[in-house]
């Protein structure tokens, strides 16, 4: 799903993609927003709109009881986006991600249970 900024003035700006959101490795979901649009609420709005679509899409043969998102513990804005959408911190995995520029990093695992299902913690 592509994200477009709202209130486009066609005389000044052409519509353009400012980010993406999706689930490439289900049940993991993710999003990216162009840095020019950080802090404007687009990621929060998009994720909140996307999650019902995710659960609806995976309600037939392939059913997921939860969605997950993985984020660096130091990326506070992204953690806030997840929390606004109802995701809860499930665990922090120590030194499990090799960043090309920062070396070994921890990963926060956030989970959102399918509506009507209680949170499970392994």
N, C-alpha and C. Protein backbone atom coordinates (compact mmCIF):
# COMPACT_ATOMS: atom_id res chain seq x y z
N UNK A 1 0.85 -1.15 0.00
CA UNK A 1 0.00 0.00 0.00
C UNK A 1 0.91 1.23 0.00
N UNK A 2 0.63 2.15 -0.87
CA UNK A 2 1.43 3.38 -0.95
C UNK A 2 0.75 4.49 -0.17
N UNK A 3 1.52 5.36 0.40
CA UNK A 3 1.00 6.47 1.19
C UNK A 3 1.19 7.77 0.43
N UNK A 4 0.14 8.56 0.37
CA UNK A 4 0.18 9.86 -0.28
C UNK A 4 -0.15 10.93 0.74
N UNK A 5 0.48 12.10 0.66
CA UNK A 5 0.14 13.17 1.61
C UNK A 5 -1.26 13.68 1.33
N UNK A 6 -1.96 14.10 2.38
CA UNK A 6 -3.30 14.68 2.19
C UNK A 6 -3.15 16.16 1.82
N UNK A 7 -4.24 16.75 1.37
CA UNK A 7 -4.28 18.17 1.03
C UNK A 7 -3.28 18.54 -0.05
N UNK A 8 -3.24 17.76 -1.10
CA UNK A 8 -2.35 18.07 -2.23
C UNK A 8 -2.94 19.24 -3.00
N UNK A 9 -2.16 20.27 -3.20
CA UNK A 9 -2.57 21.40 -4.04
C UNK A 9 -2.02 21.12 -5.43
N UNK A 10 -2.89 20.69 -6.35
CA UNK A 10 -2.44 20.27 -7.68
C UNK A 10 -1.74 21.37 -8.45
N UNK A 11 -1.97 22.61 -8.10
CA UNK A 11 -1.30 23.67 -8.84
C UNK A 11 0.16 23.82 -8.41
N UNK A 12 0.47 23.39 -7.20
CA UNK A 12 1.83 23.53 -6.70
C UNK A 12 2.59 22.21 -6.64
N UNK A 13 1.89 21.12 -6.34
CA UNK A 13 2.53 19.84 -6.13
C UNK A 13 1.81 18.74 -6.90
N UNK A 14 2.57 17.86 -7.46
CA UNK A 14 1.98 16.67 -8.06
C UNK A 14 1.90 15.60 -6.98
N UNK A 15 0.84 14.80 -6.97
CA UNK A 15 0.78 13.70 -5.99
C UNK A 15 2.01 12.81 -6.13
N UNK A 16 2.55 12.37 -5.00
CA UNK A 16 3.69 11.47 -5.02
C UNK A 16 3.63 10.54 -3.83
N UNK A 17 4.25 9.43 -3.97
CA UNK A 17 4.32 8.45 -2.88
C UNK A 17 5.26 8.99 -1.82
N UNK A 18 4.81 8.96 -0.56
CA UNK A 18 5.66 9.43 0.54
C UNK A 18 6.04 8.29 1.47
N UNK A 19 5.51 7.10 1.22
CA UNK A 19 5.84 5.97 2.06
C UNK A 19 5.12 4.72 1.62
N UNK A 20 5.43 3.63 2.31
CA UNK A 20 4.79 2.35 2.04
C UNK A 20 4.45 1.67 3.35
N UNK A 21 3.46 0.81 3.30
CA UNK A 21 3.08 0.01 4.47
C UNK A 21 2.61 -1.33 3.95
N UNK A 22 2.93 -2.38 4.68
CA UNK A 22 2.50 -3.69 4.22
C UNK A 22 2.99 -4.80 5.11
N UNK A 23 2.82 -6.02 4.59
CA UNK A 23 3.19 -7.23 5.32
C UNK A 23 3.87 -8.18 4.35
N UNK A 24 5.14 -7.99 4.14
CA UNK A 24 5.90 -8.83 3.21
C UNK A 24 6.16 -10.20 3.82
N UNK A 25 6.56 -10.23 5.10
CA UNK A 25 6.84 -11.48 5.81
C UNK A 25 5.80 -11.68 6.90
N UNK A 26 4.59 -12.02 6.50
CA UNK A 26 3.51 -12.16 7.46
C UNK A 26 3.88 -13.17 8.54
N UNK A 27 3.50 -12.91 9.76
CA UNK A 27 2.61 -11.86 10.23
C UNK A 27 3.31 -10.56 10.60
N UNK A 28 4.56 -10.38 10.12
CA UNK A 28 5.28 -9.14 10.40
C UNK A 28 4.80 -8.03 9.47
N UNK A 29 4.51 -6.87 10.05
CA UNK A 29 4.10 -5.71 9.27
C UNK A 29 5.18 -4.64 9.40
N UNK A 30 5.22 -3.75 8.42
CA UNK A 30 6.22 -2.70 8.46
C UNK A 30 5.78 -1.50 7.64
N UNK A 31 6.51 -0.43 7.82
CA UNK A 31 6.20 0.81 7.11
C UNK A 31 7.46 1.65 7.00
N UNK A 32 7.48 2.49 6.00
CA UNK A 32 8.56 3.47 5.82
C UNK A 32 7.92 4.76 5.33
N UNK A 33 8.37 5.88 5.88
CA UNK A 33 7.87 7.20 5.49
C UNK A 33 9.08 8.06 5.13
N UNK A 34 8.96 8.80 4.05
CA UNK A 34 10.03 9.73 3.66
C UNK A 34 10.27 10.71 4.81
N UNK A 35 11.51 11.02 5.08
CA UNK A 35 11.87 11.87 6.22
C UNK A 35 11.20 13.25 6.18
N UNK A 36 10.87 13.76 4.99
CA UNK A 36 10.19 15.06 4.91
C UNK A 36 8.81 15.03 5.56
N UNK A 37 8.27 13.83 5.78
CA UNK A 37 6.91 13.70 6.30
C UNK A 37 6.87 13.08 7.70
N UNK A 38 8.02 12.93 8.33
CA UNK A 38 8.06 12.42 9.69
C UNK A 38 7.39 13.43 10.63
N UNK A 39 6.77 12.91 11.69
CA UNK A 39 6.20 13.77 12.72
C UNK A 39 4.89 14.44 12.35
N UNK A 40 4.29 14.04 11.25
CA UNK A 40 3.04 14.65 10.81
C UNK A 40 1.84 13.73 11.03
N UNK A 41 2.07 12.54 11.60
CA UNK A 41 0.98 11.62 11.89
C UNK A 41 0.62 10.66 10.77
N UNK A 42 1.33 10.73 9.64
CA UNK A 42 1.00 9.86 8.51
C UNK A 42 1.20 8.38 8.83
N UNK A 43 2.31 8.04 9.48
CA UNK A 43 2.57 6.64 9.79
C UNK A 43 1.53 6.10 10.76
N UNK A 44 1.19 6.87 11.78
CA UNK A 44 0.17 6.43 12.74
C UNK A 44 -1.17 6.22 12.06
N UNK A 45 -1.56 7.18 11.25
CA UNK A 45 -2.84 7.10 10.55
C UNK A 45 -2.86 5.90 9.60
N UNK A 46 -1.78 5.71 8.87
CA UNK A 46 -1.71 4.61 7.91
C UNK A 46 -1.74 3.26 8.61
N UNK A 47 -0.98 3.10 9.69
CA UNK A 47 -0.94 1.83 10.39
C UNK A 47 -2.29 1.50 11.01
N UNK A 48 -2.94 2.49 11.60
CA UNK A 48 -4.25 2.26 12.20
C UNK A 48 -5.28 1.86 11.14
N UNK A 49 -5.17 2.41 9.94
CA UNK A 49 -6.07 2.05 8.85
C UNK A 49 -5.72 0.69 8.25
N UNK A 50 -4.43 0.36 8.25
CA UNK A 50 -3.97 -0.87 7.63
C UNK A 50 -4.30 -2.12 8.45
N UNK A 51 -4.26 -2.04 9.77
CA UNK A 51 -4.39 -3.25 10.58
C UNK A 51 -5.74 -3.97 10.39
N UNK A 52 -6.88 -3.29 10.32
CA UNK A 52 -8.11 -4.03 10.02
C UNK A 52 -8.06 -4.71 8.65
N UNK A 53 -7.42 -4.08 7.68
CA UNK A 53 -7.27 -4.68 6.35
C UNK A 53 -6.40 -5.93 6.45
N UNK A 54 -5.31 -5.86 7.20
CA UNK A 54 -4.43 -7.01 7.41
C UNK A 54 -5.22 -8.18 7.98
N UNK A 55 -5.94 -7.95 9.07
CA UNK A 55 -6.67 -9.05 9.72
C UNK A 55 -7.81 -9.56 8.84
N UNK A 56 -8.45 -8.69 8.09
CA UNK A 56 -9.51 -9.13 7.18
C UNK A 56 -8.92 -9.99 6.06
N UNK A 57 -7.79 -9.57 5.52
CA UNK A 57 -7.15 -10.32 4.44
C UNK A 57 -6.75 -11.72 4.91
N UNK A 58 -6.25 -11.82 6.14
CA UNK A 58 -5.83 -13.10 6.69
C UNK A 58 -6.90 -13.69 7.61
N UNK A 59 -8.10 -13.82 7.08
CA UNK A 59 -9.18 -14.42 7.87
C UNK A 59 -9.79 -15.62 7.16
N UNK A 60 -9.22 -16.02 6.03
CA UNK A 60 -9.72 -17.18 5.29
C UNK A 60 -8.91 -18.40 5.61
N UNK A 61 -8.29 -18.99 4.58
CA UNK A 61 -7.47 -20.19 4.76
C UNK A 61 -6.30 -19.93 5.68
N UNK A 62 -5.63 -18.83 5.47
CA UNK A 62 -4.44 -18.48 6.25
C UNK A 62 -4.83 -17.45 7.30
N UNK A 63 -4.92 -17.87 8.55
CA UNK A 63 -5.36 -16.97 9.62
C UNK A 63 -4.19 -16.72 10.56
N UNK A 64 -3.94 -15.45 10.80
CA UNK A 64 -2.94 -15.07 11.80
C UNK A 64 -3.68 -14.51 13.01
N UNK A 65 -3.29 -14.96 14.20
CA UNK A 65 -3.95 -14.48 15.41
C UNK A 65 -3.31 -13.19 15.92
N UNK A 66 -2.22 -12.78 15.27
CA UNK A 66 -1.54 -11.57 15.68
C UNK A 66 -0.73 -11.01 14.51
N UNK A 67 -0.31 -9.76 14.66
CA UNK A 67 0.65 -9.13 13.76
C UNK A 67 1.82 -8.70 14.63
N UNK A 68 3.01 -8.71 14.04
CA UNK A 68 4.21 -8.28 14.76
C UNK A 68 4.92 -7.18 14.00
N UNK A 69 5.66 -6.38 14.75
CA UNK A 69 6.52 -5.36 14.16
C UNK A 69 7.82 -5.36 14.95
N UNK A 70 8.94 -5.23 14.25
CA UNK A 70 10.26 -5.24 14.87
C UNK A 70 10.87 -3.85 14.69
N UNK A 71 11.40 -3.31 15.77
CA UNK A 71 11.94 -1.95 15.71
C UNK A 71 13.14 -1.83 16.66
N UNK A 72 14.08 -0.99 16.28
CA UNK A 72 15.24 -0.71 17.12
C UNK A 72 14.77 0.00 18.38
N UNK A 73 15.23 -0.40 19.56
CA UNK A 73 14.81 0.24 20.80
C UNK A 73 15.02 1.75 20.83
N UNK A 74 16.02 2.24 20.10
CA UNK A 74 16.31 3.68 20.12
C UNK A 74 15.44 4.47 19.15
N UNK A 75 14.63 3.80 18.34
CA UNK A 75 13.77 4.51 17.39
C UNK A 75 12.43 4.80 18.07
N UNK A 76 12.45 5.76 18.97
CA UNK A 76 11.29 6.11 19.80
C UNK A 76 10.08 6.53 18.97
N UNK A 77 10.22 7.36 17.93
CA UNK A 77 9.03 7.72 17.16
C UNK A 77 8.31 6.52 16.55
N UNK A 78 9.05 5.56 16.05
CA UNK A 78 8.42 4.37 15.47
C UNK A 78 7.74 3.53 16.55
N UNK A 79 8.35 3.46 17.71
CA UNK A 79 7.73 2.74 18.83
C UNK A 79 6.41 3.39 19.22
N UNK A 80 6.37 4.72 19.20
CA UNK A 80 5.14 5.45 19.52
C UNK A 80 4.06 5.20 18.48
N UNK A 81 4.45 5.12 17.20
CA UNK A 81 3.50 4.81 16.13
C UNK A 81 2.85 3.45 16.40
N UNK A 82 3.67 2.46 16.75
CA UNK A 82 3.14 1.13 17.03
C UNK A 82 2.20 1.15 18.23
N UNK A 83 2.59 1.84 19.28
CA UNK A 83 1.77 1.89 20.49
C UNK A 83 0.45 2.61 20.22
N UNK A 84 0.45 3.67 19.41
CA UNK A 84 -0.80 4.36 19.06
C UNK A 84 -1.75 3.44 18.32
N UNK A 85 -1.20 2.50 17.56
CA UNK A 85 -2.02 1.56 16.80
C UNK A 85 -2.46 0.36 17.64
N UNK A 86 -2.05 0.32 18.91
CA UNK A 86 -2.48 -0.75 19.80
C UNK A 86 -1.47 -1.87 19.98
N UNK A 87 -0.30 -1.78 19.36
CA UNK A 87 0.73 -2.80 19.53
C UNK A 87 1.30 -2.70 20.94
N UNK A 88 1.63 -3.84 21.50
CA UNK A 88 2.22 -3.92 22.84
C UNK A 88 3.62 -4.53 22.73
N UNK A 89 4.55 -4.01 23.54
CA UNK A 89 5.90 -4.56 23.57
C UNK A 89 5.84 -5.97 24.14
N UNK A 90 6.29 -6.93 23.35
CA UNK A 90 6.27 -8.34 23.76
C UNK A 90 7.61 -8.76 24.37
N UNK A 91 8.70 -8.37 23.70
CA UNK A 91 10.03 -8.74 24.19
C UNK A 91 11.09 -7.85 23.53
N UNK A 92 12.27 -7.87 24.13
CA UNK A 92 13.43 -7.21 23.54
C UNK A 92 14.46 -8.31 23.31
N UNK A 93 14.83 -8.49 22.06
CA UNK A 93 15.85 -9.48 21.71
C UNK A 93 17.20 -8.78 21.68
N UNK A 94 18.13 -9.32 22.44
CA UNK A 94 19.45 -8.70 22.57
C UNK A 94 20.37 -9.07 21.41
N UNK A 95 20.99 -8.04 20.83
CA UNK A 95 22.03 -8.23 19.83
C UNK A 95 21.64 -9.23 18.73
N UNK A 96 20.46 -9.07 18.14
CA UNK A 96 20.00 -10.04 17.16
C UNK A 96 19.90 -9.48 15.74
N UNK A 97 20.31 -8.22 15.56
CA UNK A 97 20.22 -7.61 14.23
C UNK A 97 21.54 -6.94 13.88
N UNK A 98 22.07 -7.27 12.72
CA UNK A 98 23.33 -6.67 12.26
C UNK A 98 23.02 -5.48 11.37
N UNK A 99 23.21 -4.27 11.88
CA UNK A 99 23.02 -3.06 11.10
C UNK A 99 24.29 -2.81 10.29
N UNK A 100 24.14 -2.46 9.01
CA UNK A 100 25.34 -2.19 8.20
C UNK A 100 26.17 -1.02 8.71
N UNK A 101 25.53 -0.08 9.42
CA UNK A 101 26.26 1.10 9.88
C UNK A 101 26.47 1.16 11.39
N UNK A 102 25.61 0.47 12.16
CA UNK A 102 25.68 0.58 13.62
C UNK A 102 26.14 -0.70 14.32
N UNK A 103 26.39 -1.76 13.57
CA UNK A 103 26.81 -3.01 14.19
C UNK A 103 25.64 -3.79 14.75
N UNK A 104 25.91 -4.63 15.75
CA UNK A 104 24.87 -5.46 16.34
C UNK A 104 23.91 -4.60 17.16
N UNK A 105 22.60 -4.85 16.96
CA UNK A 105 21.57 -4.05 17.61
C UNK A 105 20.55 -4.95 18.28
N UNK A 106 19.90 -4.42 19.31
CA UNK A 106 18.76 -5.09 19.92
C UNK A 106 17.53 -4.85 19.05
N UNK A 107 16.50 -5.63 19.26
CA UNK A 107 15.25 -5.47 18.53
C UNK A 107 14.08 -5.55 19.51
N UNK A 108 13.20 -4.57 19.47
CA UNK A 108 11.95 -4.62 20.22
C UNK A 108 10.93 -5.33 19.35
N UNK A 109 10.27 -6.33 19.91
CA UNK A 109 9.22 -7.06 19.20
C UNK A 109 7.89 -6.59 19.76
N UNK A 110 7.10 -5.97 18.89
CA UNK A 110 5.77 -5.50 19.25
C UNK A 110 4.74 -6.43 18.64
N UNK A 111 3.63 -6.63 19.34
CA UNK A 111 2.59 -7.52 18.85
C UNK A 111 1.22 -6.88 19.02
N UNK A 112 0.40 -7.09 18.03
CA UNK A 112 -1.01 -6.68 18.07
C UNK A 112 -1.83 -7.93 17.82
N UNK A 113 -2.65 -8.30 18.81
CA UNK A 113 -3.50 -9.47 18.68
C UNK A 113 -4.69 -9.17 17.77
N UNK A 114 -5.14 -10.20 17.06
CA UNK A 114 -6.35 -10.08 16.26
C UNK A 114 -7.46 -9.60 17.19
N UNK A 115 -8.29 -8.66 16.75
CA UNK A 115 -9.38 -8.19 17.61
C UNK A 115 -10.22 -9.34 18.14
N UNK A 116 -10.50 -9.27 19.45
CA UNK A 116 -11.27 -10.33 20.10
C UNK A 116 -10.41 -11.44 20.67
N UNK A 117 -9.10 -11.35 20.52
CA UNK A 117 -8.18 -12.36 21.03
C UNK A 117 -7.28 -11.73 22.10
N UNK A 118 -7.07 -12.42 23.20
CA UNK A 118 -6.23 -11.91 24.29
C UNK A 118 -4.77 -12.03 23.93
N UNK A 119 -3.93 -11.15 24.49
CA UNK A 119 -2.48 -11.16 24.26
C UNK A 119 -1.86 -12.43 24.82
N UNK A 120 -1.03 -13.09 24.00
CA UNK A 120 -0.31 -14.28 24.43
C UNK A 120 1.18 -13.95 24.49
N UNK A 121 1.85 -14.40 25.53
CA UNK A 121 3.28 -14.11 25.67
C UNK A 121 4.11 -15.38 25.74
N UNK A 122 3.96 -16.23 24.73
CA UNK A 122 4.71 -17.51 24.63
C UNK A 122 4.48 -18.34 25.85
